[in-house]
Amino acid sequence: MTEENVPTRPLTDAEKEALVRSTRRLDLRRILGGLFVLYGVIVTIVGIVNYSSDPAKTGGIHINLWTGIAMLVAGLLFFVWDRMNPVPAEDIVGQVEHEADIRAEGEGRAPQH
């Protein structure tokens, strides 16, 4: 969260849930996984369309096809990793509350907890 968005009061349960949802939605693993899958699809299609011309250029290897498949696998592994090990809600909420406490101390107020 940016400084302007750090709460000056304790978060409600609905605000905590919204914060956790938005933080998990923007998890770097999801972004990288999406990019790898997108580029993997594009490169795989190029490898299929140019199937006969790639080996002549790369010494017998269908480089676009294999690279595209590898990128698809990598992207899917990022998604699986995110699904199997999400950022704990306690860490997300704790970080925001810690930032609020630091900001309160800087403004000369006592922390809210």
PDB file of N, CA and C in Angstrom:
ATOM      1  N   MET A   1       0.837  -1.177   0.000  1.00  0.00           N
ATOM      2  CA  MET A   1       0.000   0.000   0.000  1.00  0.00           C
ATOM      3  C   MET A   1       0.876   1.233   0.000  1.00  0.00           C
ATOM      4  N   THR A   2       0.384   2.282  -0.595  1.00  0.00           N
ATOM      5  CA  THR A   2       1.113   3.534  -0.576  1.00  0.00           C
ATOM      6  C   THR A   2       0.853   4.241   0.736  1.00  0.00           C
ATOM      7  N   GLU A   3       1.621   5.273   1.019  1.00  0.00           N
ATOM      8  CA  GLU A   3       1.459   5.997   2.273  1.00  0.00           C
ATOM      9  C   GLU A   3       0.065   6.563   2.442  1.00  0.00           C
ATOM     10  N   GLU A   4      -0.533   7.030   1.347  1.00  0.00           N
ATOM     11  CA  GLU A   4      -1.860   7.621   1.443  1.00  0.00           C
ATOM     12  C   GLU A   4      -2.910   6.586   1.804  1.00  0.00           C
ATOM     13  N   ASN A   5      -2.668   5.311   1.471  1.00  0.00           N
ATOM     14  CA  ASN A   5      -3.646   4.256   1.692  1.00  0.00           C
ATOM     15  C   ASN A   5      -3.474   3.539   3.018  1.00  0.00           C
ATOM     16  N   VAL A   6      -2.457   3.878   3.798  1.00  0.00           N
ATOM     17  CA  VAL A   6      -2.252   3.216   5.075  1.00  0.00           C
ATOM     18  C   VAL A   6      -3.334   3.702   6.034  1.00  0.00           C
ATOM     19  N   PRO A   7      -4.104   2.788   6.623  1.00  0.00           N
ATOM     20  CA  PRO A   7      -5.213   3.191   7.469  1.00  0.00           C
ATOM     21  C   PRO A   7      -4.744   3.838   8.766  1.00  0.00           C
ATOM     22  N   THR A   8      -5.548   4.740   9.290  1.00  0.00           N
ATOM     23  CA  THR A   8      -5.247   5.389  10.564  1.00  0.00           C
ATOM     24  C   THR A   8      -6.073   4.770  11.680  1.00  0.00           C
ATOM     25  N   ARG A   9      -6.858   3.762  11.382  1.00  0.00           N
ATOM     26  CA  ARG A   9      -7.693   3.059  12.349  1.00  0.00           C
ATOM     27  C   ARG A   9      -7.555   1.572  12.094  1.00  0.00           C
ATOM     28  N   PRO A  10      -7.966   0.733  13.041  1.00  0.00           N
ATOM     29  CA  PRO A  10      -7.894  -0.715  12.797  1.00  0.00           C
ATOM     30  C   PRO A  10      -8.772  -1.115  11.609  1.00  0.00           C
ATOM     31  N   LEU A  11      -8.333  -2.101  10.861  1.00  0.00           N
ATOM     32  CA  LEU A  11      -9.067  -2.570   9.691  1.00  0.00           C
ATOM     33  C   LEU A  11     -10.250  -3.437  10.109  1.00  0.00           C
ATOM     34  N   THR A  12     -11.353  -3.308   9.405  1.00  0.00           N
ATOM     35  CA  THR A  12     -12.492  -4.195   9.623  1.00  0.00           C
ATOM     36  C   THR A  12     -12.210  -5.521   8.922  1.00  0.00           C
ATOM     37  N   ASP A  13     -13.013  -6.528   9.234  1.00  0.00           N
ATOM     38  CA  ASP A  13     -12.825  -7.834   8.590  1.00  0.00           C
ATOM     39  C   ASP A  13     -13.026  -7.747   7.080  1.00  0.00           C
ATOM     40  N   ALA A  14     -14.006  -6.964   6.636  1.00  0.00           N
ATOM     41  CA  ALA A  14     -14.256  -6.806   5.196  1.00  0.00           C
ATOM     42  C   ALA A  14     -13.065  -6.128   4.516  1.00  0.00           C
ATOM     43  N   GLU A  15     -12.476  -5.138   5.169  1.00  0.00           N
ATOM     44  CA  GLU A  15     -11.303  -4.457   4.602  1.00  0.00           C
ATOM     45  C   GLU A  15     -10.101  -5.392   4.548  1.00  0.00           C
ATOM     46  N   LYS A  16      -9.960  -6.232   5.572  1.00  0.00           N
ATOM     47  CA  LYS A  16      -8.854  -7.202   5.569  1.00  0.00           C
ATOM     48  C   LYS A  16      -9.011  -8.195   4.425  1.00  0.00           C
ATOM     49  N   GLU A  17     -10.234  -8.686   4.221  1.00  0.00           N
ATOM     50  CA  GLU A  17     -10.485  -9.632   3.134  1.00  0.00           C
ATOM     51  C   GLU A  17     -10.214  -8.992   1.774  1.00  0.00           C
ATOM     52  N   ALA A  18     -10.654  -7.729   1.600  1.00  0.00           N
ATOM     53  CA  ALA A  18     -10.418  -7.025   0.334  1.00  0.00           C
ATOM     54  C   ALA A  18      -8.925  -6.799   0.112  1.00  0.00           C
ATOM     55  N   LEU A  19      -8.209  -6.465   1.167  1.00  0.00           N
ATOM     56  CA  LEU A  19      -6.764  -6.252   1.071  1.00  0.00           C
ATOM     57  C   LEU A  19      -6.047  -7.543   0.687  1.00  0.00           C
ATOM     58  N   VAL A  20      -6.417  -8.643   1.311  1.00  0.00           N
ATOM     59  CA  VAL A  20      -5.793  -9.934   1.007  1.00  0.00           C
ATOM     60  C   VAL A  20      -6.090 -10.329  -0.434  1.00  0.00           C
ATOM     61  N   ARG A  21      -7.350 -10.152  -0.871  1.00  0.00           N
ATOM     62  CA  ARG A  21      -7.721 -10.503  -2.248  1.00  0.00           C
ATOM     63  C   ARG A  21      -6.926  -9.683  -3.258  1.00  0.00           C
ATOM     64  N   SER A  22      -6.839  -8.375  -3.043  1.00  0.00           N
ATOM     65  CA  SER A  22      -6.134  -7.530  -4.020  1.00  0.00           C
ATOM     66  C   SER A  22      -4.636  -7.806  -4.017  1.00  0.00           C
ATOM     67  N   THR A  23      -4.063  -8.082  -2.857  1.00  0.00           N
ATOM     68  CA  THR A  23      -2.630  -8.376  -2.789  1.00  0.00           C
ATOM     69  C   THR A  23      -2.317  -9.694  -3.483  1.00  0.00           C
ATOM     70  N   ARG A  24      -3.148 -10.702  -3.247  1.00  0.00           N
ATOM     71  CA  ARG A  24      -2.915 -11.991  -3.898  1.00  0.00           C
ATOM     72  C   ARG A  24      -3.147 -11.910  -5.394  1.00  0.00           C
ATOM     73  N   ARG A  25      -4.076 -11.060  -5.828  1.00  0.00           N
ATOM     74  CA  ARG A  25      -4.352 -10.917  -7.261  1.00  0.00           C
ATOM     75  C   ARG A  25      -3.135 -10.347  -7.978  1.00  0.00           C
ATOM     76  N   LEU A  26      -2.379  -9.498  -7.305  1.00  0.00           N
ATOM     77  CA  LEU A  26      -1.215  -8.863  -7.925  1.00  0.00           C
ATOM     78  C   LEU A  26       0.097  -9.548  -7.537  1.00  0.00           C
ATOM     79  N   ASP A  27       0.010 -10.787  -7.077  1.00  0.00           N
ATOM     80  CA  ASP A  27       1.207 -11.544  -6.727  1.00  0.00           C
ATOM     81  C   ASP A  27       2.093 -11.683  -7.962  1.00  0.00           C
ATOM     82  N   LEU A  28       3.372 -11.494  -7.782  1.00  0.00           N
ATOM     83  CA  LEU A  28       4.319 -11.533  -8.889  1.00  0.00           C
ATOM     84  C   LEU A  28       4.320 -12.890  -9.598  1.00  0.00           C
ATOM     85  N   ARG A  29       4.053 -13.952  -8.865  1.00  0.00           N
ATOM     86  CA  ARG A  29       4.012 -15.283  -9.485  1.00  0.00           C
ATOM     87  C   ARG A  29       2.888 -15.379 -10.509  1.00  0.00           C
ATOM     88  N   ARG A  30       1.764 -14.735 -10.240  1.00  0.00           N
ATOM     89  CA  ARG A  30       0.657 -14.745 -11.200  1.00  0.00           C
ATOM     90  C   ARG A  30       0.994 -13.932 -12.437  1.00  0.00           C
ATOM     91  N   ILE A  31       1.612 -12.793 -12.223  1.00  0.00           N
ATOM     92  CA  ILE A  31       1.981 -11.933 -13.356  1.00  0.00           C
ATOM     93  C   ILE A  31       3.004 -12.641 -14.244  1.00  0.00           C
ATOM     94  N   LEU A  32       4.052 -13.187 -13.636  1.00  0.00           N
ATOM     95  CA  LEU A  32       5.077 -13.899 -14.417  1.00  0.00           C
ATOM     96  C   LEU A  32       4.503 -15.144 -15.075  1.00  0.00           C
ATOM     97  N   GLY A  33       3.655 -15.871 -14.354  1.00  0.00           N
ATOM     98  CA  GLY A  33       3.026 -17.055 -14.938  1.00  0.00           C
ATOM     99  C   GLY A  33       2.186 -16.707 -16.149  1.00  0.00           C
ATOM    100  N   GLY A  34       1.419 -15.629 -16.051  1.00  0.00           N
ATOM    101  CA  GLY A  34       0.601 -15.187 -17.182  1.00  0.00           C
ATOM    102  C   GLY A  34       1.436 -14.790 -18.381  1.00  0.00           C
ATOM    103  N   LEU A  35       2.535 -14.078 -18.126  1.00  0.00           N
ATOM    104  CA  LEU A  35       3.409 -13.678 -19.234  1.00  0.00           C
ATOM    105  C   LEU A  35       4.074 -14.887 -19.887  1.00  0.00           C
ATOM    106  N   PHE A  36       4.560 -15.822 -19.077  1.00  0.00           N
ATOM    107  CA  PHE A  36       5.175 -17.019 -19.642  1.00  0.00           C
ATOM    108  C   PHE A  36       4.172 -17.817 -20.474  1.00  0.00           C
ATOM    109  N   VAL A  37       2.942 -17.955 -19.969  1.00  0.00           N
ATOM    110  CA  VAL A  37       1.931 -18.704 -20.722  1.00  0.00           C
ATOM    111  C   VAL A  37       1.602 -17.980 -22.020  1.00  0.00           C
ATOM    112  N   LEU A  38       1.420 -16.668 -21.959  1.00  0.00           N
ATOM    113  CA  LEU A  38       1.102 -15.892 -23.163  1.00  0.00           C
ATOM    114  C   LEU A  38       2.203 -16.030 -24.214  1.00  0.00           C
ATOM    115  N   TYR A  39       3.435 -15.765 -23.812  1.00  0.00           N
ATOM    116  CA  TYR A  39       4.542 -15.870 -24.770  1.00  0.00           C
ATOM    117  C   TYR A  39       4.772 -17.311 -25.198  1.00  0.00           C
ATOM    118  N   GLY A  40       4.539 -18.254 -24.293  1.00  0.00           N
ATOM    119  CA  GLY A  40       4.684 -19.669 -24.645  1.00  0.00           C
ATOM    120  C   GLY A  40       3.701 -20.087 -25.723  1.00  0.00           C
ATOM    121  N   VAL A  41       2.467 -19.596 -25.623  1.00  0.00           N
ATOM    122  CA  VAL A  41       1.468 -19.896 -26.659  1.00  0.00           C
ATOM    123  C   VAL A  41       1.910 -19.308 -27.992  1.00  0.00           C
ATOM    124  N   ILE A  42       2.363 -18.066 -27.974  1.00  0.00           N
ATOM    125  CA  ILE A  42       2.786 -17.406 -29.214  1.00  0.00           C
ATOM    126  C   ILE A  42       3.964 -18.149 -29.847  1.00  0.00           C
ATOM    127  N   VAL A  43       4.978 -18.454 -29.042  1.00  0.00           N
ATOM    128  CA  VAL A  43       6.173 -19.117 -29.577  1.00  0.00           C
ATOM    129  C   VAL A  43       5.842 -20.536 -30.036  1.00  0.00           C
ATOM    130  N   THR A  44       4.965 -21.228 -29.325  1.00  0.00           N
ATOM    131  CA  THR A  44       4.566 -22.571 -29.747  1.00  0.00           C
ATOM    132  C   THR A  44       3.838 -22.532 -31.085  1.00  0.00           C
ATOM    133  N   ILE A  45       2.953 -21.564 -31.251  1.00  0.00           N
ATOM    134  CA  ILE A  45       2.244 -21.422 -32.536  1.00  0.00           C
ATOM    135  C   ILE A  45       3.228 -21.133 -33.655  1.00  0.00           C
ATOM    136  N   VAL A  46       4.188 -20.267 -33.402  1.00  0.00           N
ATOM    137  CA  VAL A  46       5.211 -19.983 -34.417  1.00  0.00           C
ATOM    138  C   VAL A  46       5.998 -21.253 -34.731  1.00  0.00           C
ATOM    139  N   GLY A  47       6.301 -22.045 -33.718  1.00  0.00           N
ATOM    140  CA  GLY A  47       7.026 -23.294 -33.934  1.00  0.00           C
ATOM    141  C   GLY A  47       6.232 -24.298 -34.749  1.00  0.00           C
ATOM    142  N   ILE A  48       4.910 -24.323 -34.567  1.00  0.00           N
ATOM    143  CA  ILE A  48       4.069 -25.231 -35.340  1.00  0.00           C
ATOM    144  C   ILE A  48       3.924 -24.743 -36.777  1.00  0.00           C
ATOM    145  N   VAL A  49       3.732 -23.438 -36.947  1.00  0.00           N
ATOM    146  CA  VAL A  49       3.556 -22.872 -38.293  1.00  0.00           C
ATOM    147  C   VAL A  49       4.837 -23.007 -39.107  1.00  0.00           C
ATOM    148  N   ASN A  50       5.975 -22.784 -38.501  1.00  0.00           N
ATOM    149  CA  ASN A  50       7.267 -22.868 -39.197  1.00  0.00           C
ATOM    150  C   ASN A  50       7.989 -24.176 -38.879  1.00  0.00           C
ATOM    151  N   TYR A  51       7.242 -25.249 -38.756  1.00  0.00           N
ATOM    152  CA  TYR A  51       7.809 -26.525 -38.320  1.00  0.00           C
ATOM    153  C   TYR A  51       8.933 -27.013 -39.234  1.00  0.00           C
ATOM    154  N   SER A  52       8.775 -26.867 -40.523  1.00  0.00           N
ATOM    155  CA  SER A  52       9.787 -27.404 -41.443  1.00  0.00           C
ATOM    156  C   SER A  52      10.973 -26.466 -41.651  1.00  0.00           C
ATOM    157  N   SER A  53      10.812 -25.175 -41.394  1.00  0.00           N
ATOM    158  CA  SER A  53      11.915 -24.251 -41.642  1.00  0.00           C
ATOM    159  C   SER A  53      12.820 -24.067 -40.422  1.00  0.00           C
ATOM    160  N   ASP A  54      12.328 -24.310 -39.212  1.00  0.00           N
ATOM    161  CA  ASP A  54      13.159 -24.127 -38.012  1.00  0.00           C
ATOM    162  C   ASP A  54      14.386 -25.029 -37.985  1.00  0.00           C
ATOM    163  N   PRO A  55      14.274 -26.340 -38.261  1.00  0.00           N
ATOM    164  CA  PRO A  55      15.458 -27.203 -38.180  1.00  0.00           C
ATOM    165  C   PRO A  55      16.568 -26.789 -39.146  1.00  0.00           C
ATOM    166  N   ALA A  56      16.202 -26.236 -40.282  1.00  0.00           N
ATOM    167  CA  ALA A  56      17.228 -25.810 -41.240  1.00  0.00           C
ATOM    168  C   ALA A  56      18.041 -24.645 -40.687  1.00  0.00           C
ATOM    169  N   LYS A  57      17.422 -23.837 -39.865  1.00  0.00           N
ATOM    170  CA  LYS A  57      18.090 -22.653 -39.319  1.00  0.00           C
ATOM    171  C   LYS A  57      18.821 -22.936 -38.005  1.00  0.00           C
ATOM    172  N   THR A  58      18.431 -23.994 -37.296  1.00  0.00           N
ATOM    173  CA  THR A  58      18.962 -24.221 -35.949  1.00  0.00           C
ATOM    174  C   THR A  58      19.701 -25.539 -35.789  1.00  0.00           C
ATOM    175  N   GLY A  59      20.122 -26.142 -36.870  1.00  0.00           N
ATOM    176  CA  GLY A  59      20.899 -27.373 -36.779  1.00  0.00           C
ATOM    177  C   GLY A  59      20.075 -28.597 -36.416  1.00  0.00           C
ATOM    178  N   GLY A  60      18.848 -28.655 -36.877  1.00  0.00           N
ATOM    179  CA  GLY A  60      18.023 -29.842 -36.673  1.00  0.00           C
ATOM    180  C   GLY A  60      17.097 -29.801 -35.474  1.00  0.00           C
ATOM    181  N   ILE A  61      17.058 -28.688 -34.763  1.00  0.00           N
ATOM    182  CA  ILE A  61      16.214 -28.577 -33.569  1.00  0.00           C
ATOM    183  C   ILE A  61      15.012 -27.686 -33.889  1.00  0.00           C
ATOM    184  N   HIS A  62      13.837 -28.103 -33.463  1.00  0.00           N
ATOM    185  CA  HIS A  62      12.633 -27.279 -33.601  1.00  0.00           C
ATOM    186  C   HIS A  62      12.599 -26.312 -32.410  1.00  0.00           C
ATOM    187  N   ILE A  63      13.457 -25.309 -32.480  1.00  0.00           N
ATOM    188  CA  ILE A  63      13.726 -24.442 -31.329  1.00  0.00           C
ATOM    189  C   ILE A  63      12.488 -23.683 -30.851  1.00  0.00           C
ATOM    190  N   ASN A  64      11.689 -23.145 -31.774  1.00  0.00           N
ATOM    191  CA  ASN A  64      10.505 -22.401 -31.348  1.00  0.00           C
ATOM    192  C   ASN A  64       9.491 -23.305 -30.660  1.00  0.00           C
ATOM    193  N   LEU A  65       9.313 -24.486 -31.168  1.00  0.00           N
ATOM    194  CA  LEU A  65       8.371 -25.422 -30.572  1.00  0.00           C
ATOM    195  C   LEU A  65       8.816 -25.817 -29.160  1.00  0.00           C
ATOM    196  N   TRP A  66      10.084 -26.200 -29.011  1.00  0.00           N
ATOM    197  CA  TRP A  66      10.576 -26.615 -27.706  1.00  0.00           C
ATOM    198  C   TRP A  66      10.624 -25.458 -26.706  1.00  0.00           C
ATOM    199  N   THR A  67      11.019 -24.287 -27.176  1.00  0.00           N
ATOM    200  CA  THR A  67      11.047 -23.122 -26.289  1.00  0.00           C
ATOM    201  C   THR A  67       9.644 -22.739 -25.864  1.00  0.00           C
ATOM    202  N   GLY A  68       8.697 -22.785 -26.781  1.00  0.00           N
ATOM    203  CA  GLY A  68       7.303 -22.469 -26.455  1.00  0.00           C
ATOM    204  C   GLY A  68       6.738 -23.432 -25.433  1.00  0.00           C
ATOM    205  N   ILE A  69       7.011 -24.715 -25.605  1.00  0.00           N
ATOM    206  CA  ILE A  69       6.531 -25.714 -24.649  1.00  0.00           C
ATOM    207  C   ILE A  69       7.171 -25.490 -23.280  1.00  0.00           C
ATOM    208  N   ALA A  70       8.460 -25.192 -23.269  1.00  0.00           N
ATOM    209  CA  ALA A  70       9.153 -24.928 -21.999  1.00  0.00           C
ATOM    210  C   ALA A  70       8.564 -23.692 -21.308  1.00  0.00           C
ATOM    211  N   MET A  71       8.233 -22.656 -22.076  1.00  0.00           N
ATOM    212  CA  MET A  71       7.636 -21.454 -21.485  1.00  0.00           C
ATOM    213  C   MET A  71       6.240 -21.742 -20.938  1.00  0.00           C
ATOM    214  N   LEU A  72       5.476 -22.568 -21.635  1.00  0.00           N
ATOM    215  CA  LEU A  72       4.157 -22.967 -21.128  1.00  0.00           C
ATOM    216  C   LEU A  72       4.286 -23.712 -19.804  1.00  0.00           C
ATOM    217  N   VAL A  73       5.223 -24.639 -19.746  1.00  0.00           N
ATOM    218  CA  VAL A  73       5.441 -25.404 -18.512  1.00  0.00           C
ATOM    219  C   VAL A  73       5.877 -24.473 -17.383  1.00  0.00           C
ATOM    220  N   ALA A  74       6.803 -23.556 -17.674  1.00  0.00           N
ATOM    221  CA  ALA A  74       7.264 -22.618 -16.647  1.00  0.00           C
ATOM    222  C   ALA A  74       6.104 -21.751 -16.141  1.00  0.00           C
ATOM    223  N   GLY A  75       5.278 -21.252 -17.039  1.00  0.00           N
ATOM    224  CA  GLY A  75       4.132 -20.439 -16.635  1.00  0.00           C
ATOM    225  C   GLY A  75       3.161 -21.217 -15.773  1.00  0.00           C
ATOM    226  N   LEU A  76       2.891 -22.454 -16.158  1.00  0.00           N
ATOM    227  CA  LEU A  76       1.988 -23.285 -15.361  1.00  0.00           C
ATOM    228  C   LEU A  76       2.585 -23.607 -13.995  1.00  0.00           C
ATOM    229  N   LEU A  77       3.905 -23.781 -13.930  1.00  0.00           N
ATOM    230  CA  LEU A  77       4.553 -24.010 -12.634  1.00  0.00           C
ATOM    231  C   LEU A  77       4.426 -22.786 -11.723  1.00  0.00           C
ATOM    232  N   PHE A  78       4.510 -21.583 -12.277  1.00  0.00           N
ATOM    233  CA  PHE A  78       4.292 -20.377 -11.480  1.00  0.00           C
ATOM    234  C   PHE A  78       2.876 -20.361 -10.904  1.00  0.00           C
ATOM    235  N   PHE A  79       1.888 -20.729 -11.724  1.00  0.00           N
ATOM    236  CA  PHE A  79       0.505 -20.768 -11.242  1.00  0.00           C
ATOM    237  C   PHE A  79       0.313 -21.829 -10.158  1.00  0.00           C
ATOM    238  N   VAL A  80       0.919 -22.993 -10.345  1.00  0.00           N
ATOM    239  CA  VAL A  80       0.820 -24.057  -9.346  1.00  0.00           C
ATOM    240  C   VAL A  80       1.485 -23.612  -8.041  1.00  0.00           C
ATOM    241  N   TRP A  81       2.638 -22.987  -8.140  1.00  0.00           N
ATOM    242  CA  TRP A  81       3.354 -22.495  -6.965  1.00  0.00           C
ATOM    243  C   TRP A  81       2.491 -21.487  -6.208  1.00  0.00           C
ATOM    244  N   ASP A  82       1.868 -20.564  -6.932  1.00  0.00           N
ATOM    245  CA  ASP A  82       1.006 -19.575  -6.297  1.00  0.00           C
ATOM    246  C   ASP A  82      -0.193 -20.239  -5.629  1.00  0.00           C
ATOM    247  N   ARG A  83      -0.737 -21.252  -6.263  1.00  0.00           N
ATOM    248  CA  ARG A  83      -1.919 -21.938  -5.733  1.00  0.00           C
ATOM    249  C   ARG A  83      -1.569 -22.777  -4.513  1.00  0.00           C
ATOM    250  N   MET A  84      -0.419 -23.438  -4.549  1.00  0.00           N
ATOM    251  CA  MET A  84      -0.025 -24.324  -3.455  1.00  0.00           C
ATOM    252  C   MET A  84       0.533 -23.566  -2.250  1.00  0.00           C
ATOM    253  N   ASN A  85       1.104 -22.400  -2.468  1.00  0.00           N
ATOM    254  CA  ASN A  85       1.742 -21.651  -1.388  1.00  0.00           C
ATOM    255  C   ASN A  85       1.395 -20.166  -1.490  1.00  0.00           C
ATOM    256  N   PRO A  86       0.132 -19.787  -1.216  1.00  0.00           N
ATOM    257  CA  PRO A  86      -0.231 -18.370  -1.319  1.00  0.00           C
ATOM    258  C   PRO A  86       0.386 -17.558  -0.178  1.00  0.00           C
ATOM    259  N   VAL A  87       0.459 -16.269  -0.379  1.00  0.00           N
ATOM    260  CA  VAL A  87       0.964 -15.381   0.663  1.00  0.00           C
ATOM    261  C   VAL A  87      -0.015 -15.446   1.838  1.00  0.00           C
ATOM    262  N   PRO A  88       0.463 -15.728   3.051  1.00  0.00           N
ATOM    263  CA  PRO A  88      -0.452 -15.832   4.192  1.00  0.00           C
ATOM    264  C   PRO A  88      -1.174 -14.516   4.461  1.00  0.00           C
ATOM    265  N   ALA A  89      -2.456 -14.619   4.762  1.00  0.00           N
ATOM    266  CA  ALA A  89      -3.267 -13.432   5.043  1.00  0.00           C
ATOM    267  C   ALA A  89      -2.705 -12.665   6.242  1.00  0.00           C
ATOM    268  N   GLU A  90      -2.172 -13.397   7.218  1.00  0.00           N
ATOM    269  CA  GLU A  90      -1.622 -12.733   8.405  1.00  0.00           C
ATOM    270  C   GLU A  90      -0.438 -11.838   8.045  1.00  0.00           C
ATOM    271  N   ASP A  91       0.379 -12.280   7.097  1.00  0.00           N
ATOM    272  CA  ASP A  91       1.522 -11.475   6.663  1.00  0.00           C
ATOM    273  C   ASP A  91       1.072 -10.198   5.963  1.00  0.00           C
ATOM    274  N   ILE A  92       0.052 -10.323   5.127  1.00  0.00           N
ATOM    275  CA  ILE A  92      -0.439  -9.160   4.378  1.00  0.00           C
ATOM    276  C   ILE A  92      -1.023  -8.133   5.331  1.00  0.00           C
ATOM    277  N   VAL A  93      -1.913  -8.582   6.201  1.00  0.00           N
ATOM    278  CA  VAL A  93      -2.572  -7.667   7.140  1.00  0.00           C
ATOM    279  C   VAL A  93      -1.561  -7.126   8.136  1.00  0.00           C
ATOM    280  N   GLY A  94      -0.659  -7.985   8.601  1.00  0.00           N
ATOM    281  CA  GLY A  94       0.360  -7.546   9.555  1.00  0.00           C
ATOM    282  C   GLY A  94       1.256  -6.456   8.992  1.00  0.00           C
ATOM    283  N   GLN A  95       1.623  -6.577   7.721  1.00  0.00           N
ATOM    284  CA  GLN A  95       2.466  -5.562   7.089  1.00  0.00           C
ATOM    285  C   GLN A  95       1.755  -4.215   7.024  1.00  0.00           C
ATOM    286  N   VAL A  96       0.474  -4.226   6.660  1.00  0.00           N
ATOM    287  CA  VAL A  96      -0.285  -2.973   6.569  1.00  0.00           C
ATOM    288  C   VAL A  96      -0.456  -2.357   7.949  1.00  0.00           C
ATOM    289  N   GLU A  97      -0.742  -3.189   8.948  1.00  0.00           N
ATOM    290  CA  GLU A  97      -0.890  -2.664  10.309  1.00  0.00           C
ATOM    291  C   GLU A  97       0.431  -2.120  10.826  1.00  0.00           C
ATOM    292  N   HIS A  98       1.534  -2.785  10.490  1.00  0.00           N
ATOM    293  CA  HIS A  98       2.856  -2.298  10.895  1.00  0.00           C
ATOM    294  C   HIS A  98       3.145  -0.940  10.249  1.00  0.00           C
ATOM    295  N   GLU A  99       2.825  -0.798   8.963  1.00  0.00           N
ATOM    296  CA  GLU A  99       3.015   0.490   8.288  1.00  0.00           C
ATOM    297  C   GLU A  99       2.158   1.577   8.927  1.00  0.00           C
ATOM    298  N   ALA A 100       0.941   1.223   9.344  1.00  0.00           N
ATOM    299  CA  ALA A 100       0.067   2.194  10.009  1.00  0.00           C
ATOM    300  C   ALA A 100       0.654   2.611  11.353  1.00  0.00           C
ATOM    301  N   ASP A 101       1.232   1.661  12.091  1.00  0.00           N
ATOM    302  CA  ASP A 101       1.851   1.982  13.376  1.00  0.00           C
ATOM    303  C   ASP A 101       3.047   2.910  13.196  1.00  0.00           C
ATOM    304  N   ILE A 102       3.873   2.624  12.202  1.00  0.00           N
ATOM    305  CA  ILE A 102       5.048   3.472  11.944  1.00  0.00           C
ATOM    306  C   ILE A 102       4.608   4.883  11.569  1.00  0.00           C
ATOM    307  N   ARG A 103       3.576   4.966  10.741  1.00  0.00           N
ATOM    308  CA  ARG A 103       3.069   6.277  10.331  1.00  0.00           C
ATOM    309  C   ARG A 103       2.489   7.029  11.525  1.00  0.00           C
ATOM    310  N   ALA A 104       1.776   6.308  12.393  1.00  0.00           N
ATOM    311  CA  ALA A 104       1.199   6.945  13.585  1.00  0.00           C
ATOM    312  C   ALA A 104       2.289   7.470  14.494  1.00  0.00           C
ATOM    313  N   GLU A 105       3.343   6.700  14.682  1.00  0.00           N
ATOM    314  CA  GLU A 105       4.459   7.139  15.522  1.00  0.00           C
ATOM    315  C   GLU A 105       5.133   8.370  14.928  1.00  0.00           C
ATOM    316  N   GLY A 106       5.255   8.404  13.608  1.00  0.00           N
ATOM    317  CA  GLY A 106       5.854   9.555  12.943  1.00  0.00           C
ATOM    318  C   GLY A 106       5.028  10.808  13.074  1.00  0.00           C
ATOM    319  N   GLU A 107       3.710  10.628  13.204  1.00  0.00           N
ATOM    320  CA  GLU A 107       2.816  11.785  13.370  1.00  0.00           C
ATOM    321  C   GLU A 107       2.601  12.128  14.835  1.00  0.00           C
ATOM    322  N   GLY A 108       3.269  11.402  15.758  1.00  0.00           N
ATOM    323  CA  GLY A 108       3.156  11.702  17.169  1.00  0.00           C
ATOM    324  C   GLY A 108       1.936  11.084  17.831  1.00  0.00           C
ATOM    325  N   ARG A 109       1.329  10.084  17.202  1.00  0.00           N
ATOM    326  CA  ARG A 109       0.168   9.404  17.796  1.00  0.00           C
ATOM    327  C   ARG A 109       0.608   8.029  18.278  1.00  0.00           C
ATOM    328  N   ALA A 110      -0.175   7.480  19.169  1.00  0.00           N
ATOM    329  CA  ALA A 110       0.090   6.120  19.635  1.00  0.00           C
ATOM    330  C   ALA A 110      -0.434   5.127  18.613  1.00  0.00           C
ATOM    331  N   PRO A 111       0.205   3.966  18.481  1.00  0.00           N
ATOM    332  CA  PRO A 111      -0.321   2.942  17.581  1.00  0.00           C
ATOM    333  C   PRO A 111      -1.731   2.530  17.982  1.00  0.00           C
ATOM    334  N   GLN A 112      -2.516   2.048  17.002  1.00  0.00           N
ATOM    335  CA  GLN A 112      -3.921   1.713  17.214  1.00  0.00           C
ATOM    336  C   GLN A 112      -4.142   0.395  17.920  1.00  0.00           C
ATOM    337  N   HIS A 113      -3.136  -0.434  18.104  1.00  0.00           N
ATOM    338  CA  HIS A 113      -3.348  -1.789  18.643  1.00  0.00           C
ATOM    339  C   HIS A 113      -3.290  -1.791  20.129  1.00  0.00           C
TER     340      HIS A 113
END
